[in-house]
Amino acid sequence: MLVALLAFARLYYVSHQTPPAPAPGQPPAATPVRLTPPDLGPAACRSLDAVLGDLLASDGGTSADAGTAWSDARRQLGDCPTPPAAACARGPALASRAPLTAKDGLPRELLATLCERCAPDDNPCGQAVTHALQEAANRGNPALQEAQWSLEHAGPALGTTCQELVRQAVGPAALTGATVEPPLLALLETLAPTCVRTGQLPAPLLNAAAVQQGSRAPQLATLHTQGAVETKPIEPDHQTGPGDAFRAFDRDELSGVKLPLASSGTGSGTDGALRLEYAPVLKYAVSFQVLATGPGSLRAHVRAPEGVGRAGPGGTGFFVDPTVCRFRGTGRWEICKPAVPLLDVDALSVLPERPGVELKELEIIGAR
């Protein structure tokens, strides 16, 4: 007993001693660091990639065995709230084993759960939609139904995937002079309703694309949800162009302004013989009435998200410029009424198609 007490006293003394001060000029002794292994998440997540790999590598066995294997994998995935990147990367292989028309729905159900849980950067459904957009832009013909299913099941990646749709399809479709391939327009019409329904597609940009494409993508116009508003002729707040541009708004059909030829390109947005600006923006522009001698066109300037459409001059953001009216200039009133209203219009540009065009009167019908 005495020996045990002495041993305990010695241990207590050693463990409670203050460590000796370091010698002059020596750094203090480092405090030991206890290494904690990283949290690898639930066991279902740690082994999920291996389970999926074995499942995809197998020949499936009997029908009953195959069904049990897919059901077990689906249950394990259900216990994994955030699948690891390696498991998410199995998505394309799963999709090839799970066509939409297959009678066995278990592989497709497993793919749906995987997509709805994978992080945006690893999401196989989001990646499938992006690949379909790239394929369509290069004149390919992606499977529209498959792309729509992928977007609807993109889960956490829905927002970023709709942003990719805006960047690759909606923005180009709202630009004057941009070449948009028919497969890309077909894919846009297929995917846009999901992004509109979930609030992931800006209405001004969608309406601009619907106006620019017209009969090439008629389904876009059906997605407009804004109700009727009270409208009236609204004059611009600022004009850039000929000094007598005010004559186009003086309600005198005998007076007018000669439109000099200007760049009709698709550059900074300052093109046009006459530029009409609104500050604040014109919330709705529903129709345009033109009295002119000689042909020309009107383009709208609509704000766009960062990186979409054209860059404004001097870092003033991005915009799209749909052509909203083409007039023949017969000397009589001509009315252009787009299928949907233009929203959040910053400016309108008037561009003559030949020298000597005179703009007698221009009425822009809309609402602030």
Protein backbone atom coordinates (compact mmCIF):
# COMPACT_ATOMS: atom_id res chain seq x y z
CA MET A 1 0.00 0.00 0.00
CA LEU A 2 2.79 2.42 0.89
CA VAL A 3 4.52 1.75 -2.44
CA ALA A 4 1.32 2.50 -4.35
CA LEU A 5 0.81 5.78 -2.49
CA LEU A 6 4.37 6.85 -3.21
CA ALA A 7 3.95 6.05 -6.93
CA PHE A 8 0.72 8.07 -7.10
CA ALA A 9 2.33 11.02 -5.32
CA ARG A 10 5.24 11.02 -7.77
CA LEU A 11 2.89 10.90 -10.77
CA TYR A 12 0.81 13.78 -9.41
CA TYR A 13 3.95 15.84 -8.78
CA VAL A 14 5.32 15.29 -12.29
CA SER A 15 2.03 15.98 -14.07
CA HIS A 16 1.37 19.23 -12.17
CA GLN A 17 4.79 20.78 -12.44
CA THR A 18 5.16 24.03 -14.37
CA PRO A 19 7.36 23.37 -17.41
CA PRO A 20 10.80 24.90 -17.10
CA ALA A 21 11.36 28.29 -18.72
CA PRO A 22 13.29 28.11 -22.00
CA ALA A 23 16.96 28.99 -21.96
CA PRO A 24 17.83 32.57 -23.02
CA GLY A 25 17.63 32.92 -26.78
CA GLN A 26 15.62 29.70 -27.21
CA PRO A 27 11.98 29.65 -28.44
CA PRO A 28 9.38 28.25 -26.08
CA ALA A 29 8.58 24.59 -26.42
CA ALA A 30 5.77 23.87 -28.88
CA THR A 31 2.45 22.75 -27.48
CA PRO A 32 1.61 19.26 -28.71
CA VAL A 33 -1.10 19.28 -31.41
CA ARG A 34 -3.72 16.59 -31.29
CA LEU A 35 -4.63 15.46 -34.82
CA THR A 36 -8.32 14.79 -35.38
CA PRO A 37 -9.22 12.65 -38.36
CA PRO A 38 -11.53 14.42 -40.88
CA ASP A 39 -15.22 13.75 -40.65
CA LEU A 40 -16.02 11.58 -43.63
CA GLY A 41 -19.75 11.78 -43.07
CA PRO A 42 -22.14 8.87 -42.59
CA ALA A 43 -20.93 5.40 -43.44
CA ALA A 44 -23.45 5.32 -46.29
CA CYS A 45 -21.59 8.21 -47.95
CA ARG A 46 -18.13 6.74 -47.44
CA SER A 47 -18.95 3.52 -49.27
CA LEU A 48 -21.44 4.91 -51.81
CA ASP A 49 -18.98 5.27 -54.68
CA ALA A 50 -17.82 1.68 -54.30
CA VAL A 51 -21.41 0.42 -54.17
CA LEU A 52 -22.34 2.31 -57.33
CA GLY A 53 -19.17 1.18 -59.07
CA ASP A 54 -19.88 -2.48 -58.30
CA LEU A 55 -23.49 -2.08 -59.36
CA LEU A 56 -22.58 -0.52 -62.70
CA ALA A 57 -19.86 -3.09 -63.35
CA SER A 58 -22.14 -6.05 -62.72
CA ASP A 59 -24.18 -7.75 -65.43
CA GLY A 60 -27.24 -7.50 -63.24
CA GLY A 61 -27.72 -11.23 -62.64
CA THR A 62 -31.33 -12.39 -62.54
CA SER A 63 -34.12 -9.87 -62.73
CA ALA A 64 -34.91 -10.34 -59.04
CA ASP A 65 -31.25 -10.00 -58.04
CA ALA A 66 -30.86 -6.87 -60.14
CA GLY A 67 -33.94 -5.29 -58.63
CA THR A 68 -32.69 -6.02 -55.11
CA ALA A 69 -29.25 -4.56 -55.89
CA TRP A 70 -30.73 -1.32 -57.25
CA SER A 71 -33.12 -1.05 -54.31
CA ASP A 72 -30.30 -1.56 -51.81
CA ALA A 73 -28.19 1.10 -53.53
CA ARG A 74 -31.11 3.51 -53.52
CA ARG A 75 -31.66 2.96 -49.79
CA GLN A 76 -27.99 3.58 -49.09
CA LEU A 77 -28.09 6.77 -51.14
CA GLY A 78 -31.14 7.79 -49.12
CA ASP A 79 -28.98 7.64 -45.99
CA CYS A 80 -26.34 9.92 -47.55
CA PRO A 81 -27.44 13.59 -47.44
CA THR A 82 -24.53 14.90 -49.55
CA PRO A 83 -22.90 12.30 -51.81
CA PRO A 84 -19.15 12.62 -52.38
CA ALA A 85 -17.90 13.92 -55.72
CA ALA A 86 -16.73 10.46 -56.80
CA ALA A 87 -20.23 9.05 -56.37
CA CYS A 88 -21.78 12.00 -58.21
CA ALA A 89 -19.40 11.35 -61.09
CA ARG A 90 -21.20 8.04 -61.63
CA GLY A 91 -24.19 10.01 -62.94
CA PRO A 92 -23.49 9.70 -66.70
CA ALA A 93 -22.97 5.94 -66.39
CA LEU A 94 -26.21 5.70 -64.43
CA ALA A 95 -28.03 7.70 -67.11
CA SER A 96 -26.84 5.30 -69.80
CA ARG A 97 -28.22 2.38 -67.75
CA ALA A 98 -31.48 4.22 -67.03
CA PRO A 99 -33.15 5.50 -70.22
CA LEU A 100 -36.42 7.35 -69.72
CA THR A 101 -38.23 4.70 -71.74
CA ALA A 102 -36.93 1.76 -69.67
CA LYS A 103 -39.52 -0.48 -68.04
CA ASP A 104 -37.40 -0.83 -64.90
CA GLY A 105 -37.61 2.50 -63.14
CA LEU A 106 -35.21 1.76 -60.26
CA PRO A 107 -32.01 2.94 -62.01
CA ARG A 108 -33.74 6.18 -63.03
CA GLU A 109 -35.05 6.70 -59.49
CA LEU A 110 -31.53 6.23 -58.13
CA LEU A 111 -30.21 8.79 -60.65
CA ALA A 112 -32.95 11.24 -59.63
CA THR A 113 -32.02 10.94 -55.95
CA LEU A 114 -28.33 11.32 -56.77
CA CYS A 115 -29.01 14.52 -58.76
CA GLU A 116 -31.26 15.95 -56.08
CA ARG A 117 -28.51 15.53 -53.45
CA CYS A 118 -25.22 16.24 -55.24
CA ALA A 119 -23.64 19.66 -54.76
CA PRO A 120 -23.92 22.13 -57.69
CA ASP A 121 -20.30 21.70 -58.83
CA ASP A 122 -20.64 17.90 -58.90
CA ASN A 123 -24.27 17.61 -59.97
CA PRO A 124 -24.65 15.14 -62.85
CA CYS A 125 -28.03 16.53 -63.95
CA GLY A 126 -26.75 20.09 -64.06
CA GLN A 127 -23.74 18.91 -66.04
CA ALA A 128 -26.01 17.02 -68.44
CA VAL A 129 -27.98 20.20 -69.21
CA THR A 130 -24.81 22.23 -69.74
CA HIS A 131 -23.51 19.56 -72.11
CA ALA A 132 -26.81 19.60 -74.02
CA LEU A 133 -26.58 23.40 -74.40
CA GLN A 134 -23.05 23.16 -75.74
CA GLU A 135 -24.04 20.38 -78.13
CA ALA A 136 -27.02 22.38 -79.46
CA ALA A 137 -24.89 25.51 -79.93
CA ASN A 138 -22.56 23.42 -82.10
CA ARG A 139 -25.48 22.28 -84.30
CA GLY A 140 -25.91 19.00 -82.49
CA ASN A 141 -29.29 17.57 -81.60
CA PRO A 142 -29.40 16.72 -77.90
CA ALA A 143 -32.30 14.69 -76.54
CA LEU A 144 -34.80 17.35 -75.48
CA GLN A 145 -36.81 15.14 -73.14
CA GLU A 146 -33.65 13.95 -71.38
CA ALA A 147 -32.41 17.52 -70.94
CA GLN A 148 -35.76 18.60 -69.53
CA TRP A 149 -35.77 15.71 -67.05
CA SER A 150 -32.23 16.57 -65.98
CA LEU A 151 -33.14 20.22 -65.36
CA GLU A 152 -36.22 19.28 -63.34
CA HIS A 153 -34.11 17.01 -61.11
CA ALA A 154 -31.04 19.26 -60.82
CA GLY A 155 -31.79 19.91 -57.14
CA PRO A 156 -29.15 22.22 -55.61
CA ALA A 157 -27.80 22.90 -59.12
CA LEU A 158 -31.08 24.29 -60.51
CA GLY A 159 -30.10 27.92 -60.01
CA THR A 160 -26.66 27.66 -61.59
CA THR A 161 -28.04 25.51 -64.42
CA CYS A 162 -30.71 28.11 -65.25
CA GLN A 163 -27.97 30.76 -65.20
CA GLU A 164 -26.12 28.67 -67.76
CA LEU A 165 -29.28 28.55 -69.88
CA VAL A 166 -29.48 32.34 -69.67
CA ARG A 167 -25.82 32.76 -70.64
CA GLN A 168 -25.71 30.25 -73.48
CA ALA A 169 -29.20 30.55 -74.95
CA VAL A 170 -31.50 33.32 -73.67
CA GLY A 171 -28.90 36.09 -73.93
CA PRO A 172 -27.82 35.27 -77.51
CA ALA A 173 -31.48 34.86 -78.53
CA ALA A 174 -32.18 38.44 -77.39
CA LEU A 175 -29.43 40.04 -79.50
CA THR A 176 -29.82 41.63 -82.90
CA GLY A 177 -27.46 40.02 -85.39
CA ALA A 178 -26.50 37.01 -83.26
CA THR A 179 -26.63 33.59 -84.89
CA VAL A 180 -28.68 31.18 -82.79
CA GLU A 181 -28.83 27.64 -84.14
CA PRO A 182 -32.29 26.02 -84.45
CA PRO A 183 -31.36 23.14 -82.07
CA LEU A 184 -30.41 25.71 -79.43
CA LEU A 185 -33.73 27.52 -79.84
CA ALA A 186 -35.60 24.21 -79.56
CA LEU A 187 -33.70 23.41 -76.37
CA LEU A 188 -34.38 26.90 -75.03
CA GLU A 189 -38.12 26.49 -75.60
CA THR A 190 -37.97 23.12 -73.82
CA LEU A 191 -36.01 24.27 -70.77
CA ALA A 192 -37.24 27.84 -70.24
CA PRO A 193 -40.59 26.91 -68.64
CA THR A 194 -38.86 25.16 -65.72
CA CYS A 195 -36.58 28.14 -65.07
CA VAL A 196 -39.52 30.57 -65.34
CA ARG A 197 -41.68 28.49 -63.00
CA THR A 198 -38.93 28.43 -60.35
CA GLY A 199 -38.13 32.14 -60.71
CA GLN A 200 -34.68 31.54 -62.19
CA LEU A 201 -35.11 33.39 -65.52
CA PRO A 202 -35.31 37.23 -65.59
CA ALA A 203 -38.55 38.31 -67.26
CA PRO A 204 -37.02 41.32 -69.12
CA LEU A 205 -34.44 39.05 -70.73
CA LEU A 206 -37.01 36.37 -71.59
CA ASN A 207 -39.34 38.90 -73.23
CA ALA A 208 -36.46 40.43 -75.17
CA ALA A 209 -35.60 36.98 -76.55
CA ALA A 210 -39.26 36.31 -77.40
CA VAL A 211 -39.48 39.60 -79.33
CA GLN A 212 -36.19 39.10 -81.17
CA GLN A 213 -36.90 35.50 -82.21
CA GLY A 214 -40.60 35.87 -82.99
CA SER A 215 -41.83 32.95 -85.08
CA ARG A 216 -38.50 31.12 -84.73
CA ALA A 217 -39.29 30.39 -81.07
CA PRO A 218 -43.00 31.11 -80.55
CA GLN A 219 -43.21 29.23 -77.25
CA LEU A 220 -41.13 31.90 -75.52
CA ALA A 221 -43.95 34.43 -75.87
CA THR A 222 -46.34 32.09 -74.04
CA LEU A 223 -44.20 32.26 -70.89
CA HIS A 224 -44.94 35.95 -70.27
CA THR A 225 -46.92 36.21 -67.03
CA GLN A 226 -47.35 39.97 -66.58
CA GLY A 227 -50.96 41.11 -66.57
CA ALA A 228 -52.40 44.10 -68.40
CA VAL A 229 -51.13 47.56 -67.47
CA GLU A 230 -52.41 51.03 -68.28
CA THR A 231 -50.31 52.49 -71.08
CA LYS A 232 -49.93 55.80 -72.89
CA PRO A 233 -47.43 57.55 -75.21
CA ILE A 234 -44.25 58.26 -73.27
CA GLU A 235 -41.60 60.62 -74.56
CA PRO A 236 -37.92 59.88 -73.92
CA ASP A 237 -36.10 61.69 -71.13
CA HIS A 238 -32.97 62.29 -73.18
CA GLN A 239 -32.10 62.24 -76.89
CA THR A 240 -28.77 61.74 -78.60
CA GLY A 241 -28.50 62.48 -82.32
CA PRO A 242 -29.50 65.36 -84.62
CA GLY A 243 -30.19 68.64 -82.87
CA ASP A 244 -33.72 68.80 -84.24
CA ALA A 245 -34.62 65.30 -83.01
CA PHE A 246 -37.44 66.84 -80.96
CA ARG A 247 -39.38 67.23 -84.23
CA ALA A 248 -40.08 63.48 -84.14
CA PHE A 249 -42.13 64.04 -80.97
CA ASP A 250 -43.83 67.39 -81.63
CA ARG A 251 -47.10 65.79 -82.84
CA ASP A 252 -46.71 67.60 -86.18
CA GLU A 253 -46.80 65.15 -89.06
CA LEU A 254 -45.39 67.75 -91.45
CA SER A 255 -42.16 68.29 -89.54
CA GLY A 256 -39.50 65.65 -89.07
CA VAL A 257 -35.85 64.88 -88.57
CA LYS A 258 -33.43 63.60 -91.21
CA LEU A 259 -31.62 60.51 -89.94
CA PRO A 260 -27.95 60.34 -90.84
CA LEU A 261 -26.51 56.91 -91.50
CA ALA A 262 -24.75 55.58 -88.44
CA SER A 263 -23.11 52.35 -87.49
CA SER A 264 -25.73 49.61 -87.60
CA GLY A 265 -23.37 47.12 -86.02
CA THR A 266 -23.80 45.34 -82.72
CA GLY A 267 -21.18 47.04 -80.60
CA SER A 268 -21.41 49.13 -77.48
CA GLY A 269 -25.06 50.06 -77.78
CA THR A 270 -24.42 53.70 -78.76
CA ASP A 271 -25.11 52.94 -82.40
CA GLY A 272 -28.11 54.42 -84.16
CA ALA A 273 -28.79 57.73 -85.86
CA LEU A 274 -31.09 58.65 -82.98
CA ARG A 275 -30.92 57.28 -79.45
CA LEU A 276 -33.78 57.79 -77.01
CA GLU A 277 -33.03 57.22 -73.33
CA TYR A 278 -35.23 56.68 -70.29
CA ALA A 279 -34.25 57.45 -66.71
CA PRO A 280 -35.65 55.72 -64.77
CA VAL A 281 -36.17 52.82 -67.10
CA LEU A 282 -39.36 52.37 -69.10
CA LYS A 283 -41.03 49.51 -67.24
CA TYR A 284 -43.25 48.48 -70.15
CA ALA A 285 -43.06 49.21 -73.87
CA VAL A 286 -46.02 47.57 -75.59
CA SER A 287 -46.11 49.10 -79.07
CA PHE A 288 -44.36 51.53 -81.42
CA GLN A 289 -45.98 53.80 -83.99
CA VAL A 290 -43.78 55.22 -86.73
CA LEU A 291 -44.40 57.79 -89.45
CA ALA A 292 -41.38 57.98 -91.75
CA THR A 293 -40.23 58.30 -95.33
CA GLY A 294 -37.78 55.50 -95.91
CA PRO A 295 -37.08 52.18 -94.20
CA GLY A 296 -35.41 51.57 -90.88
CA SER A 297 -35.65 49.75 -87.58
CA LEU A 298 -35.95 50.29 -83.83
CA ARG A 299 -33.85 48.43 -81.29
CA ALA A 300 -34.46 48.29 -77.57
CA HIS A 301 -31.71 48.42 -74.95
CA VAL A 302 -32.62 46.05 -72.08
CA ARG A 303 -30.43 45.42 -69.06
CA ALA A 304 -29.00 41.92 -68.65
CA PRO A 305 -27.22 40.01 -65.86
CA GLU A 306 -23.45 40.18 -65.54
CA GLY A 307 -21.71 38.46 -68.46
CA VAL A 308 -24.87 38.07 -70.55
CA GLY A 309 -25.32 39.79 -73.90
CA ARG A 310 -23.10 42.75 -74.79
CA ALA A 311 -20.87 44.79 -72.51
CA GLY A 312 -21.94 48.42 -72.18
CA PRO A 313 -19.47 51.26 -72.80
CA GLY A 314 -17.25 52.26 -69.91
CA GLY A 315 -18.17 49.36 -67.68
CA THR A 316 -21.86 50.27 -67.50
CA GLY A 317 -23.00 46.66 -67.25
CA PHE A 318 -24.45 44.32 -69.83
CA PHE A 319 -27.45 44.59 -72.12
CA VAL A 320 -29.33 42.93 -74.97
CA ASP A 321 -30.65 44.77 -78.02
CA PRO A 322 -33.63 43.07 -79.68
CA THR A 323 -35.06 44.62 -82.83
CA VAL A 324 -38.59 45.62 -81.83
CA CYS A 325 -39.81 47.20 -85.06
CA ARG A 326 -38.95 47.29 -88.76
CA PHE A 327 -40.70 50.06 -90.66
CA ARG A 328 -40.95 50.49 -94.42
CA GLY A 329 -41.31 54.26 -94.34
CA THR A 330 -44.25 54.66 -96.73
CA GLY A 331 -45.18 58.08 -95.41
CA ARG A 332 -48.10 56.58 -93.50
CA TRP A 333 -48.40 55.49 -89.88
CA GLU A 334 -47.03 52.03 -89.24
CA ILE A 335 -47.68 50.14 -85.99
CA CYS A 336 -45.31 47.55 -84.51
CA LYS A 337 -46.79 45.56 -81.65
CA PRO A 338 -44.46 42.88 -80.28
CA ALA A 339 -45.98 39.59 -79.11
CA VAL A 340 -44.99 40.47 -75.52
CA PRO A 341 -44.12 43.80 -73.88
CA LEU A 342 -40.51 44.88 -73.54
CA LEU A 343 -39.60 45.29 -69.86
CA ASP A 344 -37.06 47.59 -68.19
CA VAL A 345 -36.07 49.43 -71.37
CA ASP A 346 -33.14 51.80 -70.89
CA ALA A 347 -33.12 53.20 -74.40
CA LEU A 348 -34.29 52.84 -78.01
CA SER A 349 -32.15 53.33 -81.10
CA VAL A 350 -33.53 54.36 -84.49
CA LEU A 351 -31.48 53.09 -87.44
CA PRO A 352 -32.21 54.10 -91.06
CA GLU A 353 -31.45 51.53 -93.75
CA ARG A 354 -30.40 54.05 -96.39
CA PRO A 355 -29.51 57.76 -96.70
CA GLY A 356 -32.28 60.33 -96.75
CA VAL A 357 -34.70 58.64 -94.35
CA GLU A 358 -36.82 61.20 -92.52
CA LEU A 359 -38.54 60.32 -89.24
CA LYS A 360 -41.72 62.37 -89.11
CA GLU A 361 -43.24 61.08 -85.87
CA LEU A 362 -42.50 58.33 -83.36
CA GLU A 363 -44.80 57.27 -80.57
CA ILE A 364 -43.68 54.79 -77.92
CA ILE A 365 -46.62 53.35 -76.02
CA GLY A 366 -45.81 52.04 -72.56
CA ALA A 367 -45.84 52.65 -68.83
CA ARG A 368 -43.37 53.83 -66.23
